[in-house]
């Protein structure tokens, strides 16, 4: 399951966050970061899913 979350965090960051944490504040922050620029969304998804 961790590998699937990692792949989704890189390809579709909001989906990776939603899969692990659900639709909460982290998801909406990630959606905004992904819309503004893709790379901050990926960094945030990896941080939320694996480092926090």
PDB file of N, CA and C in Angstrom:
ATOM      1  N   UNK A   1       0.818  -1.194   0.000  1.00  0.00           N
ATOM      2  CA  UNK A   1       0.000   0.000   0.000  1.00  0.00           C
ATOM      3  C   UNK A   1       0.862   1.258   0.000  1.00  0.00           C
ATOM      4  N   UNK A   2       2.010   1.224   0.674  1.00  0.00           N
ATOM      5  CA  UNK A   2       2.892   2.385   0.727  1.00  0.00           C
ATOM      6  C   UNK A   2       3.424   2.752  -0.656  1.00  0.00           C
ATOM      7  N   UNK A   3       3.699   1.743  -1.475  1.00  0.00           N
ATOM      8  CA  UNK A   3       4.219   2.021  -2.814  1.00  0.00           C
ATOM      9  C   UNK A   3       3.137   2.686  -3.662  1.00  0.00           C
ATOM     10  N   UNK A   4       1.898   2.238  -3.544  1.00  0.00           N
ATOM     11  CA  UNK A   4       0.796   2.859  -4.276  1.00  0.00           C
ATOM     12  C   UNK A   4       0.628   4.316  -3.845  1.00  0.00           C
ATOM     13  N   UNK A   5       0.708   4.595  -2.570  1.00  0.00           N
ATOM     14  CA  UNK A   5       0.583   5.965  -2.080  1.00  0.00           C
ATOM     15  C   UNK A   5       1.747   6.816  -2.579  1.00  0.00           C
ATOM     16  N   UNK A   6       2.946   6.270  -2.620  1.00  0.00           N
ATOM     17  CA  UNK A   6       4.101   7.005  -3.136  1.00  0.00           C
ATOM     18  C   UNK A   6       3.926   7.335  -4.611  1.00  0.00           C
ATOM     19  N   UNK A   7       3.504   6.372  -5.408  1.00  0.00           N
ATOM     20  CA  UNK A   7       3.305   6.605  -6.838  1.00  0.00           C
ATOM     21  C   UNK A   7       2.221   7.648  -7.059  1.00  0.00           C
ATOM     22  N   UNK A   8       1.108   7.547  -6.336  1.00  0.00           N
ATOM     23  CA  UNK A   8       0.042   8.530  -6.479  1.00  0.00           C
ATOM     24  C   UNK A   8       0.471   9.902  -5.968  1.00  0.00           C
ATOM     25  N   UNK A   9       1.317   9.954  -4.951  1.00  0.00           N
ATOM     26  CA  UNK A   9       1.803  11.233  -4.447  1.00  0.00           C
ATOM     27  C   UNK A   9       2.669  11.942  -5.471  1.00  0.00           C
ATOM     28  N   UNK A  10       3.329  11.191  -6.313  1.00  0.00           N
ATOM     29  CA  UNK A  10       4.163  11.792  -7.354  1.00  0.00           C
ATOM     30  C   UNK A  10       3.340  12.148  -8.583  1.00  0.00           C
ATOM     31  N   UNK A  11       2.448  11.269  -9.003  1.00  0.00           N
ATOM     32  CA  UNK A  11       1.688  11.499 -10.230  1.00  0.00           C
ATOM     33  C   UNK A  11       0.456  12.383 -10.012  1.00  0.00           C
ATOM     34  N   UNK A  12      -0.298  12.119  -8.972  1.00  0.00           N
ATOM     35  CA  UNK A  12      -1.526  12.865  -8.642  1.00  0.00           C
ATOM     36  C   UNK A  12      -1.512  13.183  -7.147  1.00  0.00           C
ATOM     37  N   UNK A  13      -0.814  14.244  -6.745  1.00  0.00           N
ATOM     38  CA  UNK A  13      -0.621  14.500  -5.317  1.00  0.00           C
ATOM     39  C   UNK A  13      -1.902  14.568  -4.478  1.00  0.00           C
ATOM     40  N   UNK A  14      -2.970  15.234  -4.916  1.00  0.00           N
ATOM     41  CA  UNK A  14      -4.164  15.254  -4.047  1.00  0.00           C
ATOM     42  C   UNK A  14      -4.780  13.875  -3.834  1.00  0.00           C
ATOM     43  N   UNK A  15      -4.694  13.013  -4.825  1.00  0.00           N
ATOM     44  CA  UNK A  15      -5.239  11.662  -4.679  1.00  0.00           C
ATOM     45  C   UNK A  15      -4.429  10.877  -3.645  1.00  0.00           C
ATOM     46  N   UNK A  16      -3.117  11.049  -3.674  1.00  0.00           N
ATOM     47  CA  UNK A  16      -2.270  10.369  -2.684  1.00  0.00           C
ATOM     48  C   UNK A  16      -2.570  10.818  -1.266  1.00  0.00           C
ATOM     49  N   UNK A  17      -2.797  12.119  -1.083  1.00  0.00           N
ATOM     50  CA  UNK A  17      -3.128  12.635   0.245  1.00  0.00           C
ATOM     51  C   UNK A  17      -4.511  12.152   0.671  1.00  0.00           C
ATOM     52  N   UNK A  18      -5.470  12.201  -0.244  1.00  0.00           N
ATOM     53  CA  UNK A  18      -6.834  11.782   0.090  1.00  0.00           C
ATOM     54  C   UNK A  18      -6.897  10.295   0.413  1.00  0.00           C
ATOM     55  N   UNK A  19      -6.097   9.499  -0.257  1.00  0.00           N
ATOM     56  CA  UNK A  19      -6.114   8.058  -0.021  1.00  0.00           C
ATOM     57  C   UNK A  19      -5.659   7.725   1.395  1.00  0.00           C
ATOM     58  N   UNK A  20      -4.674   8.457   1.890  1.00  0.00           N
ATOM     59  CA  UNK A  20      -4.147   8.152   3.213  1.00  0.00           C
ATOM     60  C   UNK A  20      -4.858   8.909   4.339  1.00  0.00           C
ATOM     61  N   UNK A  21      -5.264  10.166   4.085  1.00  0.00           N
ATOM     62  CA  UNK A  21      -5.803  10.998   5.161  1.00  0.00           C
ATOM     63  C   UNK A  21      -7.262  11.383   4.972  1.00  0.00           C
ATOM     64  N   UNK A  22      -7.830  11.119   3.829  1.00  0.00           N
ATOM     65  CA  UNK A  22      -9.208  11.519   3.581  1.00  0.00           C
ATOM     66  C   UNK A  22      -9.290  12.961   3.115  1.00  0.00           C
ATOM     67  N   UNK A  23     -10.525  13.435   2.985  1.00  0.00           N
ATOM     68  CA  UNK A  23     -10.740  14.808   2.535  1.00  0.00           C
ATOM     69  C   UNK A  23     -10.750  15.711   3.771  1.00  0.00           C
ATOM     70  N   UNK A  24      -9.600  16.295   4.065  1.00  0.00           N
ATOM     71  CA  UNK A  24      -9.481  17.192   5.213  1.00  0.00           C
ATOM     72  C   UNK A  24      -8.650  18.401   4.800  1.00  0.00           C
ATOM     73  N   UNK A  25      -8.128  19.139   5.764  1.00  0.00           N
ATOM     74  CA  UNK A  25      -7.360  20.346   5.455  1.00  0.00           C
ATOM     75  C   UNK A  25      -6.117  20.043   4.631  1.00  0.00           C
ATOM     76  N   UNK A  26      -5.433  18.943   4.914  1.00  0.00           N
ATOM     77  CA  UNK A  26      -4.237  18.593   4.146  1.00  0.00           C
ATOM     78  C   UNK A  26      -4.569  18.376   2.675  1.00  0.00           C
ATOM     79  N   UNK A  27      -5.706  17.776   2.407  1.00  0.00           N
ATOM     80  CA  UNK A  27      -6.129  17.558   1.021  1.00  0.00           C
ATOM     81  C   UNK A  27      -6.342  18.884   0.309  1.00  0.00           C
ATOM     82  N   UNK A  28      -7.053  19.808   0.947  1.00  0.00           N
ATOM     83  CA  UNK A  28      -7.353  21.089   0.287  1.00  0.00           C
ATOM     84  C   UNK A  28      -6.105  21.935   0.111  1.00  0.00           C
ATOM     85  N   UNK A  29      -5.194  21.904   1.063  1.00  0.00           N
ATOM     86  CA  UNK A  29      -3.916  22.611   0.902  1.00  0.00           C
ATOM     87  C   UNK A  29      -3.163  22.027  -0.284  1.00  0.00           C
ATOM     88  N   UNK A  30      -3.181  20.712  -0.403  1.00  0.00           N
ATOM     89  CA  UNK A  30      -2.482  20.072  -1.509  1.00  0.00           C
ATOM     90  C   UNK A  30      -3.127  20.400  -2.848  1.00  0.00           C
ATOM     91  N   UNK A  31      -4.445  20.474  -2.899  1.00  0.00           N
ATOM     92  CA  UNK A  31      -5.126  20.845  -4.144  1.00  0.00           C
ATOM     93  C   UNK A  31      -4.693  22.242  -4.570  1.00  0.00           C
ATOM     94  N   UNK A  32      -4.656  23.175  -3.635  1.00  0.00           N
ATOM     95  CA  UNK A  32      -4.258  24.548  -3.957  1.00  0.00           C
ATOM     96  C   UNK A  32      -2.807  24.595  -4.430  1.00  0.00           C
ATOM     97  N   UNK A  33      -1.917  23.893  -3.731  1.00  0.00           N
ATOM     98  CA  UNK A  33      -0.512  23.869  -4.137  1.00  0.00           C
ATOM     99  C   UNK A  33      -0.327  23.216  -5.506  1.00  0.00           C
ATOM    100  N   UNK A  34      -1.093  22.188  -5.793  1.00  0.00           N
ATOM    101  CA  UNK A  34      -0.983  21.507  -7.078  1.00  0.00           C
ATOM    102  C   UNK A  34      -1.516  22.387  -8.197  1.00  0.00           C
ATOM    103  N   UNK A  35      -2.564  23.150  -7.939  1.00  0.00           N
ATOM    104  CA  UNK A  35      -3.099  24.052  -8.966  1.00  0.00           C
ATOM    105  C   UNK A  35      -2.119  25.191  -9.252  1.00  0.00           C
ATOM    106  N   UNK A  36      -1.532  25.749  -8.196  1.00  0.00           N
ATOM    107  CA  UNK A  36      -0.593  26.859  -8.379  1.00  0.00           C
ATOM    108  C   UNK A  36       0.631  26.391  -9.165  1.00  0.00           C
ATOM    109  N   UNK A  37       1.270  25.348  -8.683  1.00  0.00           N
ATOM    110  CA  UNK A  37       2.411  24.726  -9.360  1.00  0.00           C
ATOM    111  C   UNK A  37       2.430  23.262  -8.945  1.00  0.00           C
ATOM    112  N   UNK A  38       2.830  22.407  -9.832  1.00  0.00           N
ATOM    113  CA  UNK A  38       2.762  20.973  -9.584  1.00  0.00           C
ATOM    114  C   UNK A  38       3.790  20.514  -8.546  1.00  0.00           C
ATOM    115  N   UNK A  39       4.999  21.036  -8.621  1.00  0.00           N
ATOM    116  CA  UNK A  39       6.090  20.553  -7.757  1.00  0.00           C
ATOM    117  C   UNK A  39       5.804  20.791  -6.266  1.00  0.00           C
ATOM    118  N   UNK A  40       5.315  21.970  -5.850  1.00  0.00           N
ATOM    119  CA  UNK A  40       4.983  22.115  -4.425  1.00  0.00           C
ATOM    120  C   UNK A  40       3.904  21.139  -3.961  1.00  0.00           C
ATOM    121  N   UNK A  41       2.984  20.791  -4.837  1.00  0.00           N
ATOM    122  CA  UNK A  41       1.973  19.798  -4.492  1.00  0.00           C
ATOM    123  C   UNK A  41       2.589  18.431  -4.237  1.00  0.00           C
ATOM    124  N   UNK A  42       3.556  18.059  -5.049  1.00  0.00           N
ATOM    125  CA  UNK A  42       4.246  16.772  -4.872  1.00  0.00           C
ATOM    126  C   UNK A  42       5.046  16.780  -3.570  1.00  0.00           C
ATOM    127  N   UNK A  43       5.754  17.865  -3.322  1.00  0.00           N
ATOM    128  CA  UNK A  43       6.550  17.957  -2.095  1.00  0.00           C
ATOM    129  C   UNK A  43       5.646  17.889  -0.862  1.00  0.00           C
ATOM    130  N   UNK A  44       4.539  18.592  -0.901  1.00  0.00           N
ATOM    131  CA  UNK A  44       3.604  18.565   0.231  1.00  0.00           C
ATOM    132  C   UNK A  44       3.011  17.173   0.422  1.00  0.00           C
ATOM    133  N   UNK A  45       2.653  16.504  -0.667  1.00  0.00           N
ATOM    134  CA  UNK A  45       2.075  15.159  -0.560  1.00  0.00           C
ATOM    135  C   UNK A  45       3.066  14.178   0.059  1.00  0.00           C
ATOM    136  N   UNK A  46       4.304  14.246  -0.366  1.00  0.00           N
ATOM    137  CA  UNK A  46       5.320  13.345   0.196  1.00  0.00           C
ATOM    138  C   UNK A  46       5.560  13.681   1.667  1.00  0.00           C
ATOM    139  N   UNK A  47       5.597  14.969   1.988  1.00  0.00           N
ATOM    140  CA  UNK A  47       5.786  15.369   3.383  1.00  0.00           C
ATOM    141  C   UNK A  47       4.639  14.871   4.261  1.00  0.00           C
ATOM    142  N   UNK A  48       3.413  15.094   3.831  1.00  0.00           N
ATOM    143  CA  UNK A  48       2.260  14.720   4.640  1.00  0.00           C
ATOM    144  C   UNK A  48       2.155  13.203   4.781  1.00  0.00           C
ATOM    145  N   UNK A  49       2.424  12.472   3.715  1.00  0.00           N
ATOM    146  CA  UNK A  49       2.218  11.027   3.742  1.00  0.00           C
ATOM    147  C   UNK A  49       3.359  10.252   4.380  1.00  0.00           C
ATOM    148  N   UNK A  50       4.577  10.765   4.308  1.00  0.00           N
ATOM    149  CA  UNK A  50       5.699   9.934   4.757  1.00  0.00           C
ATOM    150  C   UNK A  50       6.570  10.565   5.839  1.00  0.00           C
ATOM    151  N   UNK A  51       6.602  11.876   5.952  1.00  0.00           N
ATOM    152  CA  UNK A  51       7.511  12.494   6.906  1.00  0.00           C
ATOM    153  C   UNK A  51       6.818  13.033   8.151  1.00  0.00           C
ATOM    154  N   UNK A  52       5.505  13.109   8.115  1.00  0.00           N
ATOM    155  CA  UNK A  52       4.791  13.631   9.271  1.00  0.00           C
ATOM    156  C   UNK A  52       4.028  12.536   9.935  1.00  0.00           C
TER     157      UNK A  52
END
